[in-house]
């Protein structure tokens, strides 16, 4: 699967990142605010 970089994890970006992670993609997350705990727990 692909490695995808997300810049911004607002209302829409966080949901898209969750779905991509559940689909098996690797994510690099950048956000002006703390990364949501559920996304952080899906990481390495």
N, C-alpha and C. Protein backbone atom coordinates (compact mmCIF):
# COMPACT_ATOMS: atom_id res chain seq x y z
N UNK A 1 0.83 -1.18 0.00
CA UNK A 1 0.00 0.00 0.00
C UNK A 1 0.87 1.25 0.00
N UNK A 2 0.26 2.36 -0.26
CA UNK A 2 0.96 3.64 -0.38
C UNK A 2 1.19 4.29 0.98
N UNK A 3 2.21 5.15 1.03
CA UNK A 3 2.42 6.03 2.17
C UNK A 3 1.85 7.38 1.79
N UNK A 4 0.94 7.90 2.61
CA UNK A 4 0.23 9.14 2.30
C UNK A 4 0.50 10.14 3.40
N UNK A 5 0.84 11.37 3.02
CA UNK A 5 1.05 12.45 3.99
C UNK A 5 -0.21 13.28 4.07
N UNK A 6 -0.68 13.51 5.30
CA UNK A 6 -1.84 14.36 5.54
C UNK A 6 -1.37 15.62 6.23
N UNK A 7 -1.73 16.76 5.67
CA UNK A 7 -1.45 18.04 6.30
C UNK A 7 -2.81 18.62 6.67
N UNK A 8 -3.09 18.64 7.94
CA UNK A 8 -4.38 19.13 8.43
C UNK A 8 -5.30 17.98 8.77
N UNK A 9 -5.64 17.89 10.02
CA UNK A 9 -6.53 16.82 10.47
C UNK A 9 -7.78 17.43 11.11
N UNK A 10 -8.39 18.33 10.38
CA UNK A 10 -9.62 18.95 10.85
C UNK A 10 -10.78 17.96 10.77
N UNK A 11 -11.96 18.48 10.71
CA UNK A 11 -13.17 17.65 10.72
C UNK A 11 -13.16 16.65 9.56
N UNK A 12 -12.82 17.09 8.38
CA UNK A 12 -12.83 16.20 7.22
C UNK A 12 -11.55 15.37 7.12
N UNK A 13 -10.39 15.98 7.35
CA UNK A 13 -9.13 15.27 7.19
C UNK A 13 -8.96 14.10 8.14
N UNK A 14 -9.41 14.24 9.38
CA UNK A 14 -9.29 13.16 10.36
C UNK A 14 -10.08 11.93 9.92
N UNK A 15 -11.27 12.15 9.40
CA UNK A 15 -12.10 11.01 8.94
C UNK A 15 -11.47 10.33 7.72
N UNK A 16 -10.94 11.12 6.81
CA UNK A 16 -10.29 10.53 5.64
C UNK A 16 -9.05 9.75 6.06
N UNK A 17 -8.27 10.29 6.99
CA UNK A 17 -7.07 9.59 7.46
C UNK A 17 -7.43 8.27 8.13
N UNK A 18 -8.48 8.26 8.95
CA UNK A 18 -8.91 7.00 9.60
C UNK A 18 -9.26 5.94 8.56
N UNK A 19 -10.02 6.33 7.55
CA UNK A 19 -10.43 5.36 6.53
C UNK A 19 -9.25 4.84 5.73
N UNK A 20 -8.30 5.70 5.41
CA UNK A 20 -7.11 5.25 4.68
C UNK A 20 -6.27 4.31 5.53
N UNK A 21 -6.12 4.60 6.82
CA UNK A 21 -5.35 3.73 7.72
C UNK A 21 -6.02 2.38 7.85
N UNK A 22 -7.33 2.37 8.00
CA UNK A 22 -8.06 1.10 8.10
C UNK A 22 -7.96 0.29 6.82
N UNK A 23 -7.76 0.97 5.68
CA UNK A 23 -7.61 0.29 4.39
C UNK A 23 -6.19 -0.25 4.20
N UNK A 24 -5.28 0.05 5.15
CA UNK A 24 -3.95 -0.52 5.08
C UNK A 24 -2.84 0.41 4.64
N UNK A 25 -3.15 1.66 4.39
CA UNK A 25 -2.12 2.61 3.97
C UNK A 25 -1.31 3.09 5.16
N UNK A 26 -0.05 3.46 4.90
CA UNK A 26 0.79 4.10 5.92
C UNK A 26 0.55 5.59 5.83
N UNK A 27 0.48 6.26 6.98
CA UNK A 27 0.20 7.69 7.00
C UNK A 27 1.31 8.45 7.71
N UNK A 28 1.60 9.64 7.21
CA UNK A 28 2.44 10.61 7.89
C UNK A 28 1.50 11.77 8.18
N UNK A 29 1.32 12.10 9.47
CA UNK A 29 0.31 13.08 9.86
C UNK A 29 0.96 14.36 10.37
N UNK A 30 0.53 15.49 9.81
CA UNK A 30 0.96 16.81 10.26
C UNK A 30 -0.29 17.62 10.55
N UNK A 31 -0.30 18.26 11.71
CA UNK A 31 -1.47 19.04 12.09
C UNK A 31 -1.06 20.19 12.98
N UNK A 32 -1.76 21.31 12.86
CA UNK A 32 -1.52 22.45 13.74
C UNK A 32 -2.01 22.14 15.15
N UNK A 33 -2.89 21.20 15.26
CA UNK A 33 -3.46 20.79 16.55
C UNK A 33 -2.99 19.38 16.86
N UNK A 34 -3.10 18.91 18.10
CA UNK A 34 -2.68 17.55 18.42
C UNK A 34 -3.41 16.51 17.55
N UNK A 35 -2.68 15.48 17.16
CA UNK A 35 -3.28 14.39 16.39
C UNK A 35 -4.28 13.67 17.30
N UNK A 36 -5.51 13.41 16.82
CA UNK A 36 -6.49 12.72 17.65
C UNK A 36 -5.95 11.38 18.17
N UNK A 37 -6.31 11.06 19.41
CA UNK A 37 -5.79 9.85 20.07
C UNK A 37 -6.09 8.58 19.28
N UNK A 38 -7.27 8.47 18.68
CA UNK A 38 -7.60 7.25 17.95
C UNK A 38 -6.71 7.09 16.72
N UNK A 39 -6.32 8.18 16.07
CA UNK A 39 -5.37 8.08 14.95
C UNK A 39 -3.98 7.77 15.45
N UNK A 40 -3.59 8.38 16.55
CA UNK A 40 -2.26 8.14 17.12
C UNK A 40 -2.12 6.66 17.50
N UNK A 41 -3.18 6.07 18.05
CA UNK A 41 -3.12 4.67 18.49
C UNK A 41 -3.05 3.71 17.29
N UNK A 42 -3.47 4.15 16.10
CA UNK A 42 -3.37 3.31 14.92
C UNK A 42 -1.97 3.31 14.33
N UNK A 43 -1.13 4.25 14.76
CA UNK A 43 0.22 4.39 14.21
C UNK A 43 1.19 3.37 14.80
N UNK A 44 2.42 3.49 14.34
CA UNK A 44 3.48 2.57 14.78
C UNK A 44 4.03 3.00 16.11
